[in-house]
């Protein structure tokens, strides 16, 4: 562009390039070098050295800016961690609600500054605990929630108006029920909705692409539910982040760092277009769109990914939607250290892995971080592994000095060149999706599924042929494990939930249940916002399984086009 002002003088760049060419001929060529390939996990080639000649057109103000200034590459807030440390948001969820409540209160007591609740497999997929299709998984992988009574037990003695809460609901059929129950419980406590700060995952790709299960909704129905929740919160719970576009879960399924950001952004664009169609303004909801990203093992690629993502998002909001309000243009995201990189072999190595992953998230400017427990490749985290993960974050915050300045790696020729390349590759994938007709079409056709499967296959091939080293798995193996790791025993949930549900079904009003379900059905059939009626309906109480069954009866079941 004619108005660009490159940071480096062209004459000086020429001198640098000449010196680099000389160095390459006289010093690099013929020098011993370990075998490659020298590339990032996403396949971006890595040069042996980076210089100003690697970023010849960089315009500092336009391409980087300063923290809190467009395009926010160096951070979304002027003071970054000097002003406020990232939220220490450790994940917890297992068994019945009463047991998970103890873990949540333990984490808060040990210094966690936010809560992160995950739900069991039946809950995530819209089944009641006692459903024969789901009962075997009760309390597995998260906490069992059937009714608003469970939600009240989950957050008993926890000040949800003072502690931000993340609800890892994933699929919109689960999210809209769980989020409604959370708000209904807040109503019971007489807490104003605007006092509630937190996030719901609420990503329709989770149901249609990543964690598909028996009886999933068609993509358009799942997408509608996701947008219903965003619309409802933009009007009635303005501090709540009603969606967290879950690049993390796409990554766990096998996609690359580039695809992670591109898929998440295309998802956000699709939601934005739908909410505009419904009559909202971008300024009504964009400040509360949030993202959930992975921190994996390719340290510098992860840092560059976060920096590039901030620039891409700012330009999407500014150039595509002509939004000037900086609250709409900043990219706020939570990071979880990747579970896919954790190994069952020599599991104590996972402590080091997770610490490096968390460091990349912090150097990349995350607003909230969860560190995985070292035993998560084997079981639900024990209290001790959860404590070590929590302490890992506290060591980062208080001992390492990484919080003293914003974007400490900014200006590194390597990091800036990698950030630029990540940006271009992200945009290329997004353009491909646009060319194919948009995100909903690429989900319905199976294109997204195929892209993730291909990337996962390439990753696994690298492990199997040894080009991708995994310590303890394909190198530095041991005949016997050096230490026995205690496994967590998930508390029994099925009988606890069965007794609760039996009591609730005996004592609730049959007329009230029918009236609540009729209200939900009417909202769905007339194109109304389902969450507008569901927050009241769950108070009857009705169960998540009853809501899910009603919706599935109207939409039918979708068979994903898996290859």
Protein backbone atom coordinates (compact mmCIF):
# COMPACT_ATOMS: atom_id res chain seq x y z
CA UNK A 1 0.00 0.00 0.00
CA UNK A 2 1.24 3.50 -0.80
CA UNK A 3 0.75 4.77 2.76
CA UNK A 4 2.90 2.07 4.36
CA UNK A 5 5.96 3.26 6.23
CA UNK A 6 8.39 0.33 6.55
CA UNK A 7 10.30 0.30 9.80
CA UNK A 8 13.65 -0.46 8.21
CA UNK A 9 15.58 1.71 5.74
CA UNK A 10 15.91 -0.02 2.38
CA UNK A 11 19.61 0.71 2.21
CA UNK A 12 20.17 -0.81 5.62
CA UNK A 13 18.08 -3.82 4.64
CA UNK A 14 20.25 -4.30 1.58
CA UNK A 15 23.32 -4.37 3.79
CA UNK A 16 21.72 -6.89 6.12
CA UNK A 17 20.74 -9.11 3.19
CA UNK A 18 24.25 -8.94 1.75
CA UNK A 19 25.75 -9.90 5.12
CA UNK A 20 23.24 -12.72 5.50
CA UNK A 21 24.03 -14.07 2.03
CA UNK A 22 27.75 -13.99 2.83
CA UNK A 23 27.17 -15.75 6.16
CA UNK A 24 25.12 -18.42 4.45
CA UNK A 25 27.89 -19.13 1.88
CA UNK A 26 30.90 -18.92 4.17
CA UNK A 27 29.62 -20.12 7.53
CA UNK A 28 26.35 -22.00 7.23
CA UNK A 29 26.96 -24.14 4.17
CA UNK A 30 29.07 -27.11 5.12
CA UNK A 31 28.45 -26.70 8.85
CA UNK A 32 27.11 -29.78 10.66
CA UNK A 33 23.36 -29.77 11.10
CA UNK A 34 20.96 -32.19 12.73
CA UNK A 35 18.33 -33.79 10.56
CA UNK A 36 15.08 -31.90 10.03
CA UNK A 37 12.48 -31.25 9.05
CA UNK A 38 12.82 -27.63 10.16
CA UNK A 39 9.24 -26.49 10.20
CA UNK A 40 6.45 -25.71 12.63
CA UNK A 41 3.76 -28.21 13.55
CA UNK A 42 1.56 -26.54 10.89
CA UNK A 43 4.22 -27.08 8.24
CA UNK A 44 5.63 -23.53 8.07
CA UNK A 45 9.33 -23.72 7.06
CA UNK A 46 11.78 -22.34 9.63
CA UNK A 47 14.88 -20.48 8.45
CA UNK A 48 18.22 -21.00 10.22
CA UNK A 49 18.29 -17.34 11.29
CA UNK A 50 15.98 -14.32 11.09
CA UNK A 51 17.03 -10.72 10.49
CA UNK A 52 15.34 -7.41 9.62
CA UNK A 53 15.37 -8.70 6.03
CA UNK A 54 12.83 -11.32 7.15
CA UNK A 55 10.23 -8.58 7.79
CA UNK A 56 11.20 -5.97 5.19
CA UNK A 57 7.77 -4.32 4.84
CA UNK A 58 6.83 -4.17 8.51
CA UNK A 59 5.08 -0.91 9.35
CA UNK A 60 5.24 -0.70 13.14
CA UNK A 61 2.15 1.44 13.77
CA UNK A 62 -0.05 -0.32 11.21
CA UNK A 63 1.10 -3.91 11.76
CA UNK A 64 1.92 -3.98 15.47
CA UNK A 65 0.86 -0.87 17.33
CA UNK A 66 1.10 -0.65 21.10
CA UNK A 67 -0.76 -2.62 23.76
CA UNK A 68 -4.41 -1.64 23.82
CA UNK A 69 -4.18 -0.05 20.37
CA UNK A 70 -5.33 -1.34 17.00
CA UNK A 71 -4.47 -3.92 15.65
CA UNK A 72 -3.82 -5.20 19.21
CA UNK A 73 -1.00 -7.55 18.20
CA UNK A 74 0.93 -6.57 21.32
CA UNK A 75 -2.02 -7.08 23.66
CA UNK A 76 -5.62 -6.02 24.13
CA UNK A 77 -5.07 -3.80 27.20
CA UNK A 78 -2.56 -0.95 27.67
CA UNK A 79 -1.09 -2.32 30.91
CA UNK A 80 -1.62 -6.03 30.16
CA UNK A 81 -0.45 -8.10 33.17
CA UNK A 82 0.85 -5.05 35.02
CA UNK A 83 -2.76 -3.95 35.35
CA UNK A 84 -4.42 -7.33 35.90
CA UNK A 85 -2.98 -10.83 35.87
CA UNK A 86 -4.63 -13.38 33.65
CA UNK A 87 -7.47 -15.30 35.31
CA UNK A 88 -6.31 -18.58 36.80
CA UNK A 89 -9.24 -20.71 35.68
CA UNK A 90 -8.65 -24.37 36.47
CA UNK A 91 -11.05 -26.96 35.07
CA UNK A 92 -13.06 -29.25 37.34
CA UNK A 93 -15.97 -31.62 36.96
CA UNK A 94 -16.75 -35.20 37.98
CA UNK A 95 -19.42 -37.28 39.66
CA UNK A 96 -22.49 -35.64 41.20
CA UNK A 97 -22.64 -31.87 41.70
CA UNK A 98 -21.96 -32.08 45.43
CA UNK A 99 -18.55 -33.70 44.82
CA UNK A 100 -17.46 -31.21 42.15
CA UNK A 101 -18.53 -28.37 44.44
CA UNK A 102 -15.89 -29.53 46.95
CA UNK A 103 -13.18 -29.38 44.24
CA UNK A 104 -14.29 -25.92 43.10
CA UNK A 105 -14.13 -24.57 46.64
CA UNK A 106 -10.73 -26.23 47.12
CA UNK A 107 -9.34 -24.51 44.03
CA UNK A 108 -10.70 -21.12 45.09
CA UNK A 109 -9.21 -21.62 48.54
CA UNK A 110 -5.80 -22.32 47.01
CA UNK A 111 -5.78 -19.17 44.89
CA UNK A 112 -7.72 -19.85 41.68
CA UNK A 113 -9.32 -16.60 40.48
CA UNK A 114 -12.01 -18.07 38.24
CA UNK A 115 -13.94 -21.32 37.87
CA UNK A 116 -14.14 -23.65 34.90
CA UNK A 117 -16.79 -26.38 35.05
CA UNK A 118 -16.97 -29.30 32.68
CA UNK A 119 -19.98 -31.61 32.40
CA UNK A 120 -20.28 -35.35 32.02
CA UNK A 121 -20.96 -37.13 28.75
CA UNK A 122 -24.73 -37.51 29.21
CA UNK A 123 -25.10 -33.82 30.08
CA UNK A 124 -22.95 -32.69 27.17
CA UNK A 125 -25.05 -34.70 24.74
CA UNK A 126 -28.49 -33.77 26.04
CA UNK A 127 -29.42 -36.93 27.93
CA UNK A 128 -30.68 -37.33 31.47
CA UNK A 129 -28.34 -39.35 33.66
CA UNK A 130 -30.79 -42.23 33.91
CA UNK A 131 -31.37 -42.57 30.17
CA UNK A 132 -30.37 -46.15 29.21
CA UNK A 133 -28.28 -44.77 26.34
CA UNK A 134 -26.20 -42.65 28.72
CA UNK A 135 -26.32 -44.12 32.23
CA UNK A 136 -22.99 -45.94 31.95
CA UNK A 137 -21.21 -42.59 31.54
CA UNK A 138 -22.83 -40.85 34.51
CA UNK A 139 -20.30 -38.56 36.18
CA UNK A 140 -17.58 -39.48 33.67
CA UNK A 141 -15.58 -36.69 32.07
CA UNK A 142 -17.42 -34.03 34.06
CA UNK A 143 -20.17 -33.30 36.54
CA UNK A 144 -23.69 -34.72 36.12
CA UNK A 145 -26.39 -32.05 35.78
CA UNK A 146 -30.02 -32.97 35.15
CA UNK A 147 -32.02 -30.11 36.69
CA UNK A 148 -31.65 -26.67 38.23
CA UNK A 149 -31.39 -28.42 41.62
CA UNK A 150 -28.04 -29.89 40.51
CA UNK A 151 -26.91 -26.45 39.39
CA UNK A 152 -27.72 -25.03 42.83
CA UNK A 153 -25.69 -27.81 44.45
CA UNK A 154 -22.77 -27.27 42.08
CA UNK A 155 -22.32 -23.65 43.16
CA UNK A 156 -23.42 -23.92 46.78
CA UNK A 157 -21.42 -21.48 48.97
CA UNK A 158 -19.70 -20.01 45.90
CA UNK A 159 -20.26 -16.27 45.28
CA UNK A 160 -21.11 -16.43 41.58
CA UNK A 161 -21.66 -12.66 41.54
CA UNK A 162 -18.00 -12.15 42.52
CA UNK A 163 -16.24 -15.08 40.82
CA UNK A 164 -16.39 -15.50 37.06
CA UNK A 165 -17.57 -18.91 35.91
CA UNK A 166 -16.89 -20.76 32.67
CA UNK A 167 -19.46 -23.39 31.68
CA UNK A 168 -17.80 -25.87 29.32
CA UNK A 169 -21.04 -26.82 27.64
CA UNK A 170 -19.76 -27.40 24.12
CA UNK A 171 -22.90 -28.41 22.25
CA UNK A 172 -25.70 -25.83 22.00
CA UNK A 173 -28.43 -28.34 22.99
CA UNK A 174 -26.55 -28.78 26.27
CA UNK A 175 -25.51 -25.15 26.55
CA UNK A 176 -28.93 -23.59 26.30
CA UNK A 177 -30.23 -25.86 29.09
CA UNK A 178 -27.19 -25.53 31.37
CA UNK A 179 -26.89 -21.78 30.89
CA UNK A 180 -30.62 -21.37 31.58
CA UNK A 181 -30.23 -23.39 34.78
CA UNK A 182 -27.30 -21.21 35.86
CA UNK A 183 -29.36 -18.05 35.34
CA UNK A 184 -32.37 -19.65 37.05
CA UNK A 185 -30.23 -20.45 40.08
CA UNK A 186 -28.99 -16.85 40.11
CA UNK A 187 -32.64 -15.74 40.10
CA UNK A 188 -33.24 -18.00 43.10
CA UNK A 189 -30.38 -16.24 44.90
CA UNK A 190 -31.87 -12.87 43.89
CA UNK A 191 -28.71 -11.95 41.99
CA UNK A 192 -29.16 -9.49 39.08
CA UNK A 193 -28.20 -11.03 35.73
CA UNK A 194 -25.83 -8.15 35.06
CA UNK A 195 -23.87 -9.13 38.19
CA UNK A 196 -22.90 -12.44 36.59
CA UNK A 197 -19.56 -12.64 34.82
CA UNK A 198 -18.54 -15.74 32.94
CA UNK A 199 -18.55 -17.66 29.70
CA UNK A 200 -20.50 -20.44 28.01
CA UNK A 201 -18.70 -22.47 25.38
CA UNK A 202 -21.81 -22.79 23.19
CA UNK A 203 -20.07 -23.69 19.92
CA UNK A 204 -22.23 -25.47 17.34
CA UNK A 205 -19.15 -27.02 15.71
CA UNK A 206 -18.66 -29.01 18.89
CA UNK A 207 -21.88 -30.92 18.22
CA UNK A 208 -21.61 -31.19 14.45
CA UNK A 209 -17.88 -31.68 13.90
CA UNK A 210 -15.86 -32.51 17.03
CA UNK A 211 -17.78 -34.44 19.69
CA UNK A 212 -20.47 -36.02 17.56
CA UNK A 213 -22.58 -38.59 19.40
CA UNK A 214 -25.80 -40.55 18.85
CA UNK A 215 -28.66 -38.20 18.15
CA UNK A 216 -26.95 -34.93 17.22
CA UNK A 217 -28.96 -32.02 15.88
CA UNK A 218 -28.65 -30.91 12.26
CA UNK A 219 -26.11 -28.08 11.84
CA UNK A 220 -28.73 -25.39 11.17
CA UNK A 221 -30.69 -26.29 14.32
CA UNK A 222 -27.57 -26.40 16.47
CA UNK A 223 -26.44 -23.08 15.00
CA UNK A 224 -29.82 -21.52 15.77
CA UNK A 225 -29.58 -22.54 19.44
CA UNK A 226 -26.09 -21.06 19.69
CA UNK A 227 -27.30 -17.74 18.30
CA UNK A 228 -30.37 -17.78 20.59
CA UNK A 229 -28.06 -17.83 23.60
CA UNK A 230 -25.91 -14.99 22.25
CA UNK A 231 -28.97 -12.88 21.49
CA UNK A 232 -30.52 -13.52 24.92
CA UNK A 233 -27.35 -12.63 26.84
CA UNK A 234 -26.73 -9.49 24.79
CA UNK A 235 -30.04 -8.21 26.13
CA UNK A 236 -30.32 -9.66 29.64
CA UNK A 237 -26.83 -10.61 30.91
CA UNK A 238 -24.47 -8.03 29.49
CA UNK A 239 -21.37 -9.09 31.47
CA UNK A 240 -21.73 -12.70 30.33
CA UNK A 241 -19.77 -14.06 27.36
CA UNK A 242 -22.50 -16.16 25.68
CA UNK A 243 -20.14 -18.01 23.35
CA UNK A 244 -16.56 -19.16 23.33
CA UNK A 245 -15.59 -20.26 19.83
CA UNK A 246 -13.69 -23.38 20.71
CA UNK A 247 -10.60 -23.60 18.58
CA UNK A 248 -9.14 -25.69 21.41
CA UNK A 249 -11.50 -28.56 20.73
CA UNK A 250 -10.96 -28.42 16.97
CA UNK A 251 -7.25 -28.68 17.76
CA UNK A 252 -7.75 -31.64 20.10
CA UNK A 253 -9.59 -33.35 17.24
CA UNK A 254 -6.48 -32.98 15.09
CA UNK A 255 -6.48 -29.71 13.15
CA UNK A 256 -3.44 -27.44 12.85
CA UNK A 257 -2.84 -24.13 14.63
CA UNK A 258 -3.72 -22.31 11.39
CA UNK A 259 -7.00 -24.20 10.98
CA UNK A 260 -7.84 -23.67 14.66
CA UNK A 261 -7.97 -19.90 14.24
CA UNK A 262 -9.52 -19.93 10.76
CA UNK A 263 -12.38 -22.26 11.76
CA UNK A 264 -13.08 -20.31 14.96
CA UNK A 265 -13.18 -16.99 13.10
CA UNK A 266 -15.44 -18.31 10.37
CA UNK A 267 -17.75 -19.58 13.09
CA UNK A 268 -17.77 -16.12 14.69
CA UNK A 269 -18.47 -14.48 11.32
CA UNK A 270 -21.42 -16.84 10.74
CA UNK A 271 -22.88 -15.94 14.14
CA UNK A 272 -22.32 -12.24 13.49
CA UNK A 273 -24.17 -12.44 10.17
CA UNK A 274 -27.10 -14.26 11.77
CA UNK A 275 -27.37 -11.80 14.67
CA UNK A 276 -27.30 -8.89 12.24
CA UNK A 277 -30.11 -10.61 10.31
CA UNK A 278 -32.07 -10.76 13.57
CA UNK A 279 -31.81 -6.99 13.89
CA UNK A 280 -28.99 -6.59 16.41
CA UNK A 281 -26.09 -4.20 15.90
CA UNK A 282 -22.52 -5.48 15.99
CA UNK A 283 -21.92 -3.24 19.01
CA UNK A 284 -24.73 -5.09 20.87
CA UNK A 285 -22.90 -8.41 20.98
CA UNK A 286 -19.34 -8.24 19.59
CA UNK A 287 -17.75 -7.01 22.86
CA UNK A 288 -18.88 -10.28 24.46
CA UNK A 289 -17.77 -12.70 21.75
CA UNK A 290 -14.93 -14.73 23.23
CA UNK A 291 -12.58 -17.46 22.05
CA UNK A 292 -11.02 -20.59 23.49
CA UNK A 293 -7.64 -21.63 22.10
CA UNK A 294 -5.12 -24.39 22.62
CA UNK A 295 -1.53 -24.08 23.78
CA UNK A 296 0.42 -26.91 22.24
CA UNK A 297 4.05 -27.96 22.09
CA UNK A 298 5.38 -25.85 19.20
CA UNK A 299 6.29 -22.94 21.47
CA UNK A 300 6.91 -20.13 19.00
CA UNK A 301 4.14 -21.15 16.61
CA UNK A 302 1.64 -20.89 19.48
CA UNK A 303 2.84 -17.40 20.43
CA UNK A 304 2.73 -16.26 16.80
CA UNK A 305 -0.75 -17.79 16.48
CA UNK A 306 -2.18 -15.65 19.28
CA UNK A 307 -0.53 -12.48 17.97
CA UNK A 308 -1.67 -13.09 14.39
CA UNK A 309 -5.19 -13.92 15.57
CA UNK A 310 -5.54 -10.55 17.30
CA UNK A 311 -4.56 -8.73 14.14
CA UNK A 312 -6.87 -10.78 11.92
CA UNK A 313 -9.84 -10.31 14.26
CA UNK A 314 -9.32 -6.56 14.54
CA UNK A 315 -9.26 -6.26 10.77
CA UNK A 316 -12.34 -8.47 10.33
CA UNK A 317 -14.29 -6.21 12.66
CA UNK A 318 -12.85 -3.03 11.19
CA UNK A 319 -12.83 -3.80 7.48
CA UNK A 320 -15.72 -6.27 7.12
CA UNK A 321 -18.14 -4.69 9.59
CA UNK A 322 -16.80 -1.10 9.72
CA UNK A 323 -16.78 -1.14 13.53
CA UNK A 324 -14.70 1.55 15.20
CA UNK A 325 -15.49 0.73 18.85
CA UNK A 326 -12.29 -0.90 20.17
CA UNK A 327 -14.32 -3.14 22.48
CA UNK A 328 -15.61 -4.89 19.37
CA UNK A 329 -12.20 -5.20 17.77
CA UNK A 330 -10.22 -6.73 20.61
CA UNK A 331 -9.81 -10.50 20.66
CA UNK A 332 -10.28 -11.89 24.17
CA UNK A 333 -9.46 -15.54 24.67
CA UNK A 334 -9.01 -18.29 27.23
CA UNK A 335 -6.22 -20.83 26.72
CA UNK A 336 -6.06 -24.41 27.91
CA UNK A 337 -2.83 -26.36 27.68
CA UNK A 338 -3.39 -29.17 25.25
CA UNK A 339 -4.58 -32.51 26.49
CA UNK A 340 -3.65 -34.16 23.19
CA UNK A 341 0.07 -33.67 23.93
CA UNK A 342 -0.09 -35.39 27.32
CA UNK A 343 1.23 -38.93 27.45
CA UNK A 344 0.29 -41.96 29.50
CA UNK A 345 3.95 -43.01 29.27
CA UNK A 346 6.15 -41.30 31.88
CA UNK A 347 3.23 -39.06 32.89
CA UNK A 348 5.28 -36.89 35.24
CA UNK A 349 6.86 -35.40 32.08
CA UNK A 350 3.46 -33.78 31.53
CA UNK A 351 4.19 -31.31 34.32
CA UNK A 352 7.01 -29.84 32.22
CA UNK A 353 4.95 -30.00 29.03
CA UNK A 354 2.02 -28.15 30.56
CA UNK A 355 4.31 -25.48 32.05
CA UNK A 356 5.84 -24.73 28.63
CA UNK A 357 2.39 -24.68 27.05
CA UNK A 358 1.17 -22.22 29.69
CA UNK A 359 4.23 -20.03 29.16
CA UNK A 360 3.45 -19.75 25.45
CA UNK A 361 -0.12 -18.69 26.31
CA UNK A 362 1.15 -15.98 28.66
CA UNK A 363 3.81 -14.71 26.27
CA UNK A 364 1.04 -14.66 23.66
CA UNK A 365 -1.18 -12.44 25.83
CA UNK A 366 -4.01 -14.72 26.99
CA UNK A 367 -6.71 -13.31 29.30
CA UNK A 368 -7.41 -16.59 31.08
CA UNK A 369 -5.48 -19.88 31.40
CA UNK A 370 -6.11 -23.46 32.47
CA UNK A 371 -3.15 -25.82 32.97
CA UNK A 372 -3.85 -29.52 32.54
CA UNK A 373 -3.05 -31.99 35.30
CA UNK A 374 -0.15 -34.35 34.63
CA UNK A 375 -2.42 -37.41 35.02
CA UNK A 376 -5.10 -36.40 32.51
CA UNK A 377 -3.95 -38.98 29.95
CA UNK A 378 -4.83 -41.59 32.57
CA UNK A 379 -7.78 -40.34 34.59
CA UNK A 380 -9.76 -37.38 35.90
CA UNK A 381 -7.19 -35.19 37.72
CA UNK A 382 -6.60 -35.97 41.37
CA UNK A 383 -6.62 -33.19 43.93
CA UNK A 384 -2.79 -33.28 43.99
CA UNK A 385 -2.36 -33.04 40.21
CA UNK A 386 -4.92 -30.20 40.15
CA UNK A 387 -2.94 -28.40 42.84
CA UNK A 388 0.33 -28.79 40.93
CA UNK A 389 -1.35 -27.38 37.80
CA UNK A 390 -2.66 -24.45 39.83
CA UNK A 391 0.77 -23.83 41.38
CA UNK A 392 2.31 -23.92 37.88
CA UNK A 393 0.27 -20.83 37.01
CA UNK A 394 1.16 -19.13 40.28
CA UNK A 395 4.88 -19.72 39.70
CA UNK A 396 4.49 -18.15 36.27
CA UNK A 397 2.69 -15.14 37.72
CA UNK A 398 4.90 -14.46 40.71
CA UNK A 399 8.38 -15.91 40.09
CA UNK A 400 9.30 -15.69 36.42
CA UNK A 401 8.99 -11.96 35.68
CA UNK A 402 6.98 -12.57 32.51
CA UNK A 403 4.24 -10.22 33.73
CA UNK A 404 6.42 -7.12 33.91
CA UNK A 405 6.11 -5.96 30.31
CA UNK A 406 3.61 -6.47 27.52
CA UNK A 407 4.47 -8.75 24.60
CA UNK A 408 8.09 -9.38 25.64
CA UNK A 409 8.86 -11.26 22.40
CA UNK A 410 7.53 -8.46 20.19
CA UNK A 411 10.20 -7.24 17.82
CA UNK A 412 11.91 -10.61 17.52
CA UNK A 413 12.56 -10.99 13.82
CA UNK A 414 11.60 -14.66 14.05
CA UNK A 415 8.38 -14.05 16.00
CA UNK A 416 7.30 -11.19 13.73
CA UNK A 417 8.03 -13.18 10.55
CA UNK A 418 6.17 -16.18 11.94
CA UNK A 419 3.25 -13.97 13.02
CA UNK A 420 3.01 -12.60 9.47
CA UNK A 421 3.10 -16.07 7.95
CA UNK A 422 0.47 -17.37 10.38
CA UNK A 423 -1.77 -14.45 9.45
CA UNK A 424 -1.50 -15.15 5.74
CA UNK A 425 -2.21 -18.84 6.17
CA UNK A 426 -5.20 -18.18 8.43
CA UNK A 427 -6.63 -15.79 5.84
CA UNK A 428 -6.04 -18.35 3.11
CA UNK A 429 -8.07 -21.02 4.92
CA UNK A 430 -10.84 -18.50 5.64
CA UNK A 431 -10.96 -17.52 1.96
CA UNK A 432 -11.28 -21.20 1.03
CA UNK A 433 -14.29 -21.56 3.34
CA UNK A 434 -15.87 -18.43 1.84
CA UNK A 435 -15.30 -19.86 -1.64
CA UNK A 436 -17.06 -23.10 -0.61
CA UNK A 437 -20.13 -21.20 0.54
CA UNK A 438 -19.43 -20.45 4.19
CA UNK A 439 -19.09 -22.41 7.39
CA UNK A 440 -22.54 -24.03 7.53
CA UNK A 441 -22.12 -25.44 4.04
CA UNK A 442 -18.63 -26.78 4.75
CA UNK A 443 -19.95 -28.49 7.89
CA UNK A 444 -22.98 -29.97 6.12
CA UNK A 445 -20.85 -31.25 3.24
CA UNK A 446 -18.21 -32.79 5.51
CA UNK A 447 -15.37 -30.59 4.21
CA UNK A 448 -14.45 -29.43 7.72
CA UNK A 449 -14.49 -33.02 8.99
CA UNK A 450 -12.20 -34.10 6.18
CA UNK A 451 -9.72 -31.26 6.75
CA UNK A 452 -9.42 -32.10 10.44
CA UNK A 453 -9.05 -35.81 9.71
CA UNK A 454 -6.27 -35.17 7.18
CA UNK A 455 -4.37 -32.93 9.60
CA UNK A 456 -4.75 -35.49 12.40
CA UNK A 457 -3.50 -38.23 10.10
CA UNK A 458 -0.40 -36.21 9.18
CA UNK A 459 0.32 -35.56 12.84
CA UNK A 460 0.02 -39.24 13.74
CA UNK A 461 2.18 -40.24 10.78
CA UNK A 462 4.94 -37.96 12.08
CA UNK A 463 4.82 -39.67 15.47
CA UNK A 464 4.90 -43.12 13.94
CA UNK A 465 7.83 -42.43 11.59
CA UNK A 466 9.74 -40.56 14.30
CA UNK A 467 9.94 -37.16 12.59
CA UNK A 468 7.76 -35.75 15.39
CA UNK A 469 9.50 -36.57 18.65
CA UNK A 470 7.42 -37.35 21.73
CA UNK A 471 9.60 -37.96 24.78
CA UNK A 472 8.77 -41.28 26.40
CA UNK A 473 6.68 -42.43 23.44
CA UNK A 474 8.93 -42.67 20.37
CA UNK A 475 12.21 -41.59 22.00
CA UNK A 476 13.75 -41.87 25.48
CA UNK A 477 11.48 -44.78 26.27
CA UNK A 478 11.83 -46.82 29.47
CA UNK A 479 11.11 -50.47 30.01
CA UNK A 480 9.39 -49.69 33.30
CA UNK A 481 7.65 -46.55 34.49
CA UNK A 482 9.83 -44.70 37.04
CA UNK A 483 6.92 -43.96 39.38
CA UNK A 484 3.42 -45.24 39.97
CA UNK A 485 0.79 -42.54 39.46
CA UNK A 486 -2.27 -42.72 41.71
CA UNK A 487 -5.51 -42.80 39.74
CA UNK A 488 -8.58 -40.79 40.67
CA UNK A 489 -11.71 -42.75 41.50
CA UNK A 490 -14.73 -40.90 40.14
CA UNK A 491 -17.46 -40.73 42.82
CA UNK A 492 -20.59 -42.72 42.03
CA UNK A 493 -23.08 -40.50 40.25
CA UNK A 494 -25.75 -42.75 38.76
CA UNK A 495 -27.54 -43.75 41.97
CA UNK A 496 -27.26 -40.23 43.40
CA UNK A 497 -28.84 -38.75 40.28
CA UNK A 498 -31.44 -41.52 40.03
CA UNK A 499 -32.69 -40.78 43.55
CA UNK A 500 -32.81 -37.04 42.83
CA UNK A 501 -34.72 -37.51 39.59
CA UNK A 502 -37.15 -40.00 41.14
CA UNK A 503 -37.95 -37.51 43.91
CA UNK A 504 -38.27 -34.56 41.52
CA UNK A 505 -40.57 -36.46 39.15
CA UNK A 506 -42.79 -37.55 42.04
CA UNK A 507 -43.13 -34.11 43.59
CA UNK A 508 -43.21 -31.66 40.69
CA UNK A 509 -46.43 -30.50 39.09
CA UNK A 510 -47.38 -32.50 36.00
CA UNK A 511 -49.34 -29.53 34.71
CA UNK A 512 -46.39 -27.26 35.32
CA UNK A 513 -44.07 -29.59 33.41
CA UNK A 514 -46.46 -29.81 30.47
CA UNK A 515 -46.93 -26.04 30.43
CA UNK A 516 -43.16 -25.44 30.48
CA UNK A 517 -42.56 -27.90 27.64
CA UNK A 518 -45.42 -26.38 25.67
CA UNK A 519 -43.77 -22.95 26.04
CA UNK A 520 -40.47 -24.35 24.78
CA UNK A 521 -42.18 -26.07 21.85
CA UNK A 522 -44.08 -22.91 20.93
CA UNK A 523 -40.90 -20.83 20.95
CA UNK A 524 -39.17 -23.32 18.68
CA UNK A 525 -42.07 -23.72 16.27
CA UNK A 526 -42.65 -19.97 15.88
CA UNK A 527 -38.99 -19.06 15.43
CA UNK A 528 -38.75 -17.41 18.84
CA UNK A 529 -35.68 -17.25 21.03
CA UNK A 530 -35.65 -20.51 22.95
CA UNK A 531 -33.56 -19.21 25.83
CA UNK A 532 -36.06 -16.41 26.49
CA UNK A 533 -38.56 -19.04 27.67
CA UNK A 534 -36.16 -21.72 28.87
CA UNK A 535 -34.75 -19.75 31.82
CA UNK A 536 -38.24 -19.79 33.35
CA UNK A 537 -39.12 -23.29 32.14
CA UNK A 538 -36.21 -25.01 33.92
CA UNK A 539 -37.46 -23.65 37.26
CA UNK A 540 -40.50 -26.00 37.19
CA UNK A 541 -38.20 -28.03 37.08
CA UNK A 542 -37.88 -29.77 33.73
CA UNK A 543 -34.78 -31.81 32.89
CA UNK A 544 -32.19 -31.26 30.21
CA UNK A 545 -33.14 -34.59 28.67
CA UNK A 546 -36.76 -33.49 28.33
CA UNK A 547 -35.73 -30.29 26.55
CA UNK A 548 -33.37 -32.19 24.27
CA UNK A 549 -35.94 -34.84 23.41
CA UNK A 550 -38.51 -32.18 22.53
CA UNK A 551 -36.14 -30.32 20.19
CA UNK A 552 -34.85 -33.48 18.54
CA UNK A 553 -38.42 -34.55 17.94
CA UNK A 554 -38.88 -31.43 15.83
CA UNK A 555 -35.54 -31.24 14.03
CA UNK A 556 -34.80 -34.88 13.48
CA UNK A 557 -31.37 -36.41 13.85
CA UNK A 558 -28.37 -35.64 11.67
CA UNK A 559 -25.88 -38.21 10.43
CA UNK A 560 -22.53 -36.43 10.02
CA UNK A 561 -20.87 -36.97 6.62
CA UNK A 562 -17.83 -38.76 8.05
CA UNK A 563 -15.20 -40.09 5.69
